[in-house]
C-alpha atoms as a PDB file:
ATOM      1  CA  MET A   1      54.149 189.726-139.474  1.00  0.00           C
ATOM      2  CA  THR A   2      50.746 189.742-137.944  1.00  0.00           C
ATOM      3  CA  PRO A   3      49.167 186.479-136.827  1.00  0.00           C
ATOM      4  CA  HIS A   4      46.552 186.901-139.576  1.00  0.00           C
ATOM      5  CA  VAL A   5      49.194 187.123-142.330  1.00  0.00           C
ATOM      6  CA  ILE A   6      51.122 184.165-140.850  1.00  0.00           C
ATOM      7  CA  SER A   7      47.934 182.062-140.819  1.00  0.00           C
ATOM      8  CA  LEU A   8      47.197 183.031-144.423  1.00  0.00           C
ATOM      9  CA  ALA A   9      50.762 182.194-145.521  1.00  0.00           C
ATOM     10  CA  SER A  10      50.597 178.839-143.692  1.00  0.00           C
ATOM     11  CA  ALA A  11      47.266 177.984-145.291  1.00  0.00           C
ATOM     12  CA  LEU A  12      48.616 178.884-148.736  1.00  0.00           C
ATOM     13  CA  ALA A  13      51.681 176.684-148.190  1.00  0.00           C
ATOM     14  CA  LEU A  14      49.505 173.756-147.082  1.00  0.00           C
ATOM     15  CA  ALA A  15      47.185 174.220-150.051  1.00  0.00           C
ATOM     16  CA  THR A  16      50.155 174.159-152.413  1.00  0.00           C
ATOM     17  CA  VAL A  17      51.415 170.917-150.890  1.00  0.00           C
ATOM     18  CA  SER A  18      47.908 169.401-151.033  1.00  0.00           C
ATOM     19  CA  LEU A  19      47.346 170.462-154.628  1.00  0.00           C
ATOM     20  CA  PHE A  20      50.726 169.421-156.013  1.00  0.00           C
ATOM     21  CA  PRO A  21      52.158 166.637-153.828  1.00  0.00           C
ATOM     22  CA  GLY A  22      53.983 164.949-156.717  1.00  0.00           C
ATOM     23  CA  GLN A  23      55.672 168.169-157.697  1.00  0.00           C
ATOM     24  CA  VAL A  24      56.768 168.899-154.144  1.00  0.00           C
ATOM     25  CA  LEU A  25      58.075 165.347-153.674  1.00  0.00           C
ATOM     26  CA  ALA A  26      59.887 165.425-157.002  1.00  0.00           C
ATOM     27  CA  GLN A  27      61.595 168.640-156.084  1.00  0.00           C
ATOM     28  CA  ALA A  28      62.526 167.312-152.660  1.00  0.00           C
ATOM     29  CA  SER A  29      63.917 164.024-153.969  1.00  0.00           C
ATOM     30  CA  GLY A  30      65.699 165.708-156.870  1.00  0.00           C
ATOM     31  CA  SER A  31      67.600 167.942-154.530  1.00  0.00           C
ATOM     32  CA  SER A  32      69.444 165.052-152.847  1.00  0.00           C
ATOM     33  CA  GLY A  33      71.342 164.162-156.024  1.00  0.00           C
ATOM     34  CA  ALA A  34      70.930 160.415-155.365  1.00  0.00           C
ATOM     35  CA  SER A  35      69.899 158.300-158.332  1.00  0.00           C
ATOM     36  CA  PRO A  36      67.683 155.241-157.862  1.00  0.00           C
ATOM     37  CA  ALA A  37      69.198 151.764-157.959  1.00  0.00           C
ATOM     38  CA  TYR A  38      68.139 149.604-160.906  1.00  0.00           C
ATOM     39  CA  VAL A  39      68.459 145.878-161.473  1.00  0.00           C
ATOM     40  CA  SER A  40      69.222 145.121-165.109  1.00  0.00           C
ATOM     41  CA  GLN A  41      69.190 141.323-164.930  1.00  0.00           C
ATOM     42  CA  GLN A  42      67.648 138.643-162.767  1.00  0.00           C
ATOM     43  CA  PRO A  43      70.270 137.328-160.353  1.00  0.00           C
ATOM     44  CA  ALA A  44      71.212 133.678-160.932  1.00  0.00           C
ATOM     45  CA  ASN A  45      70.227 132.649-157.398  1.00  0.00           C
ATOM     46  CA  GLU A  46      66.731 134.195-157.492  1.00  0.00           C
ATOM     47  CA  TRP A  47      63.443 133.123-159.068  1.00  0.00           C
ATOM     48  CA  ARG A  48      60.572 135.063-160.575  1.00  0.00           C
ATOM     49  CA  ALA A  49      57.245 134.549-158.790  1.00  0.00           C
ATOM     50  CA  GLY A  50      55.463 134.063-162.114  1.00  0.00           C
ATOM     51  CA  VAL A  51      57.324 130.850-162.920  1.00  0.00           C
ATOM     52  CA  PHE A  52      55.854 129.204-159.823  1.00  0.00           C
ATOM     53  CA  ILE A  53      52.202 129.818-160.694  1.00  0.00           C
ATOM     54  CA  GLY A  54      50.797 126.651-162.234  1.00  0.00           C
ATOM     55  CA  GLU A  55      53.861 124.553-161.377  1.00  0.00           C
ATOM     56  CA  ALA A  56      53.105 121.044-160.123  1.00  0.00           C
ATOM     57  CA  VAL A  57      53.749 120.261-156.473  1.00  0.00           C
ATOM     58  CA  HIS A  58      54.897 116.748-155.582  1.00  0.00           C
ATOM     59  CA  ASN A  59      54.985 114.936-152.277  1.00  0.00           C
ATOM     60  CA  THR A  60      58.046 113.081-151.014  1.00  0.00           C
ATOM     61  CA  ALA A  61      56.750 109.888-152.679  1.00  0.00           C
ATOM     62  CA  GLY A  62      56.957 111.650-156.063  1.00  0.00           C
ATOM     63  CA  GLU A  63      53.189 111.912-156.556  1.00  0.00           C
ATOM     64  CA  THR A  64      51.737 115.123-157.942  1.00  0.00           C
ATOM     65  CA  VAL A  65      49.522 116.518-155.170  1.00  0.00           C
ATOM     66  CA  GLY A  66      48.529 119.879-156.630  1.00  0.00           C
ATOM     67  CA  ASP A  67      49.952 122.997-158.194  1.00  0.00           C
ATOM     68  CA  ILE A  68      51.037 126.429-157.034  1.00  0.00           C
ATOM     69  CA  ASN A  69      48.084 128.744-157.404  1.00  0.00           C
ATOM     70  CA  ASP A  70      49.467 131.840-155.694  1.00  0.00           C
ATOM     71  CA  LEU A  71      52.255 133.218-153.540  1.00  0.00           C
ATOM     72  CA  VAL A  72      51.683 135.524-150.582  1.00  0.00           C
ATOM     73  CA  PHE A  73      54.304 138.121-149.623  1.00  0.00           C
ATOM     74  CA  ASP A  74      54.758 139.673-146.199  1.00  0.00           C
ATOM     75  CA  ARG A  75      55.333 143.393-145.638  1.00  0.00           C
ATOM     76  CA  ALA A  76      59.104 142.867-145.835  1.00  0.00           C
ATOM     77  CA  GLY A  77      58.726 141.499-149.376  1.00  0.00           C
ATOM     78  CA  GLN A  78      59.485 137.902-148.430  1.00  0.00           C
ATOM     79  CA  ILE A  79      57.307 135.046-149.683  1.00  0.00           C
ATOM     80  CA  SER A  80      55.486 133.770-146.604  1.00  0.00           C
ATOM     81  CA  THR A  81      52.875 131.407-148.014  1.00  0.00           C
ATOM     82  CA  ALA A  82      52.480 129.170-151.044  1.00  0.00           C
ATOM     83  CA  VAL A  83      48.873 128.517-152.024  1.00  0.00           C
ATOM     84  CA  ILE A  84      48.510 125.033-153.471  1.00  0.00           C
ATOM     85  CA  ALA A  85      45.425 124.088-155.493  1.00  0.00           C
ATOM     86  CA  VAL A  86      44.466 120.471-154.822  1.00  0.00           C
ATOM     87  CA  GLY A  87      41.736 118.245-156.230  1.00  0.00           C
ATOM     88  CA  GLY A  88      39.327 119.271-158.927  1.00  0.00           C
ATOM     89  CA  PHE A  89      39.789 119.216-162.674  1.00  0.00           C
ATOM     90  CA  LEU A  90      40.888 122.192-164.770  1.00  0.00           C
ATOM     91  CA  GLY A  91      40.287 124.520-161.830  1.00  0.00           C
ATOM     92  CA  VAL A  92      36.743 123.303-161.185  1.00  0.00           C
ATOM     93  CA  GLY A  93      36.205 121.886-157.705  1.00  0.00           C
ATOM     94  CA  GLU A  94      39.737 122.566-156.544  1.00  0.00           C
ATOM     95  CA  LYS A  95      40.560 123.537-152.975  1.00  0.00           C
ATOM     96  CA  TRP A  96      43.242 126.076-152.053  1.00  0.00           C
ATOM     97  CA  ILE A  97      45.601 125.090-149.250  1.00  0.00           C
ATOM     98  CA  GLY A  98      48.088 127.546-147.744  1.00  0.00           C
ATOM     99  CA  VAL A  99      51.440 126.194-146.574  1.00  0.00           C
ATOM    100  CA  PRO A 100      54.414 128.131-145.253  1.00  0.00           C
ATOM    101  CA  PHE A 101      56.756 128.762-148.181  1.00  0.00           C
ATOM    102  CA  THR A 102      59.641 127.457-146.087  1.00  0.00           C
ATOM    103  CA  THR A 103      58.042 123.979-146.064  1.00  0.00           C
ATOM    104  CA  LEU A 104      58.627 123.657-149.806  1.00  0.00           C
ATOM    105  CA  THR A 105      61.857 122.193-151.095  1.00  0.00           C
ATOM    106  CA  PHE A 106      63.173 122.471-154.602  1.00  0.00           C
ATOM    107  CA  ASP A 107      64.802 119.608-156.447  1.00  0.00           C
ATOM    108  CA  VAL A 108      66.060 119.217-159.985  1.00  0.00           C
ATOM    109  CA  GLY A 109      64.241 116.700-162.186  1.00  0.00           C
ATOM    110  CA  LYS A 110      65.694 114.255-164.695  1.00  0.00           C
ATOM    111  CA  ASN A 111      65.602 116.846-167.473  1.00  0.00           C
ATOM    112  CA  GLY A 112      66.932 119.713-165.356  1.00  0.00           C
ATOM    113  CA  GLU A 113      63.491 121.124-164.558  1.00  0.00           C
ATOM    114  CA  ARG A 114      62.570 122.534-161.155  1.00  0.00           C
ATOM    115  CA  VAL A 115      60.610 120.080-158.996  1.00  0.00           C
ATOM    116  CA  ILE A 116      58.654 121.572-156.102  1.00  0.00           C
ATOM    117  CA  VAL A 117      58.203 119.200-153.151  1.00  0.00           C
ATOM    118  CA  VAL A 118      56.046 119.473-150.034  1.00  0.00           C
ATOM    119  CA  ALA A 119      56.294 116.861-147.272  1.00  0.00           C
ATOM    120  CA  LEU A 120      52.527 116.289-147.145  1.00  0.00           C
ATOM    121  CA  SER A 121      50.456 113.410-148.469  1.00  0.00           C
ATOM    122  CA  LYS A 122      47.388 113.738-150.670  1.00  0.00           C
ATOM    123  CA  GLU A 123      45.318 112.856-147.604  1.00  0.00           C
ATOM    124  CA  ASP A 124      47.000 115.589-145.535  1.00  0.00           C
ATOM    125  CA  LEU A 125      46.147 118.158-148.178  1.00  0.00           C
ATOM    126  CA  ALA A 126      42.597 116.847-148.628  1.00  0.00           C
ATOM    127  CA  THR A 127      41.862 117.317-144.916  1.00  0.00           C
ATOM    128  CA  ALA A 128      43.736 120.628-144.560  1.00  0.00           C
ATOM    129  CA  PRO A 129      41.709 123.785-143.944  1.00  0.00           C
ATOM    130  CA  LYS A 130      40.799 125.839-146.994  1.00  0.00           C
ATOM    131  CA  PHE A 131      42.949 128.944-147.596  1.00  0.00           C
ATOM    132  CA  LYS A 132      40.917 132.170-147.627  1.00  0.00           C
ATOM    133  CA  THR A 133      42.107 135.286-149.436  1.00  0.00           C
ATOM    134  CA  THR A 134      41.435 138.793-148.163  1.00  0.00           C
ATOM    135  CA  GLU A 135      42.012 140.714-151.393  1.00  0.00           C
ATOM    136  CA  GLU A 136      41.103 140.304-155.041  1.00  0.00           C
ATOM    137  CA  THR A 137      43.462 140.395-157.980  1.00  0.00           C
ATOM    138  CA  THR A 138      42.529 141.997-161.288  1.00  0.00           C
ATOM    139  CA  PHE A 139      42.116 138.471-162.660  1.00  0.00           C
ATOM    140  CA  ASP A 140      39.712 137.619-159.803  1.00  0.00           C
ATOM    141  CA  ARG A 141      37.609 140.710-160.523  1.00  0.00           C
ATOM    142  CA  VAL A 142      37.482 139.962-164.266  1.00  0.00           C
ATOM    143  CA  LYS A 143      36.656 136.291-163.632  1.00  0.00           C
ATOM    144  CA  ASN A 144      33.867 137.215-161.184  1.00  0.00           C
ATOM    145  CA  LYS A 145      32.459 139.740-163.665  1.00  0.00           C
ATOM    146  CA  ALA A 146      32.534 137.104-166.427  1.00  0.00           C
ATOM    147  CA  VAL A 147      30.716 134.630-164.169  1.00  0.00           C
ATOM    148  CA  ASP A 148      28.106 137.282-163.327  1.00  0.00           C
ATOM    149  CA  LEU A 149      27.603 138.138-167.012  1.00  0.00           C
ATOM    150  CA  GLY A 150      27.387 134.437-167.904  1.00  0.00           C
ATOM    151  CA  ASN A 151      24.748 133.867-165.219  1.00  0.00           C
ATOM    152  CA  LYS A 152      22.787 136.890-166.417  1.00  0.00           C
ATOM    153  CA  ALA A 153      22.952 135.693-170.047  1.00  0.00           C
ATOM    154  CA  ARG A 154      21.816 132.201-168.973  1.00  0.00           C
ATOM    155  CA  ASP A 155      18.883 133.641-167.021  1.00  0.00           C
ATOM    156  CA  GLU A 156      17.851 135.826-169.964  1.00  0.00           C
ATOM    157  CA  ALA A 157      18.141 132.862-172.357  1.00  0.00           C
ATOM    158  CA  VAL A 158      15.907 130.750-170.106  1.00  0.00           C
ATOM    159  CA  ASP A 159      13.386 133.607-169.942  1.00  0.00           C
ATOM    160  CA  LEU A 160      13.415 134.008-173.735  1.00  0.00           C
ATOM    161  CA  LYS A 161      13.011 130.242-174.192  1.00  0.00           C
ATOM    162  CA  ASP A 162      10.048 130.189-171.800  1.00  0.00           C
ATOM    163  CA  ARG A 163       8.406 133.128-173.581  1.00  0.00           C
ATOM    164  CA  ALA A 164       8.997 131.505-176.992  1.00  0.00           C
ATOM    165  CA  LEU A 165       7.505 128.205-175.812  1.00  0.00           C
ATOM    166  CA  LYS A 166       4.479 130.056-174.459  1.00  0.00           C
ATOM    167  CA  LYS A 167       4.090 131.897-177.762  1.00  0.00           C
ATOM    168  CA  VAL A 168       4.324 128.640-179.751  1.00  0.00           C
ATOM    169  CA  ASP A 169       1.837 126.987-177.402  1.00  0.00           C
ATOM    170  CA  ASP A 170      -0.526 129.951-177.788  1.00  0.00           C
ATOM    171  CA  MET A 171      -0.241 129.742-181.579  1.00  0.00           C
ATOM    172  CA  ARG A 172      -1.020 126.015-181.532  1.00  0.00           C
ATOM    173  CA  THR A 173      -4.126 126.459-179.438  1.00  0.00           C
ATOM    174  CA  GLY A 174      -5.325 129.453-181.450  1.00  0.00           C
ATOM    175  CA  GLU A 175      -5.232 131.784-178.494  1.00  0.00           C
ATOM    176  CA  THR A 176      -2.746 134.172-180.011  1.00  0.00           C
ATOM    177  CA  LYS A 177      -3.570 137.723-179.105  1.00  0.00           C
ATOM    178  CA  GLN A 178      -3.158 140.297-181.786  1.00  0.00           C
END
């Protein structure tokens, strides 16, 4: 083959891979004959991340010091950090504190419930540095959008109220323009 034909054939092959990467990958993975591994039931010695969110966190004195607000996973899929929300009321005014997940211990309460314990006092958590996230969840984006829309609606309502008061004032003084 001439170099021109080889270049054209190479470009066509690359274009095919670029245009249909899923198809090429599916064909490549299907040729191995290996089937994926599935897990059909949660293992008894493992916990779902979702059951931790919102769970109370206690200190070693048994006081509730906050609740789990989030869990951070490392690239290997291991939980590295527990984010504890402390202070505030109903999520307003709370502060997020990150602690290594390995500092948490898990006990069983009087009624068989899971009790999450961190060996830190309320004062320790109050003076701890605030945890900063570097990515947004879908919930964060929706919440921020709702806050933005609420602020916009409030601003428009204030503007409408001011215009209505001006109109009423104009009508009272007889200065209404027609």
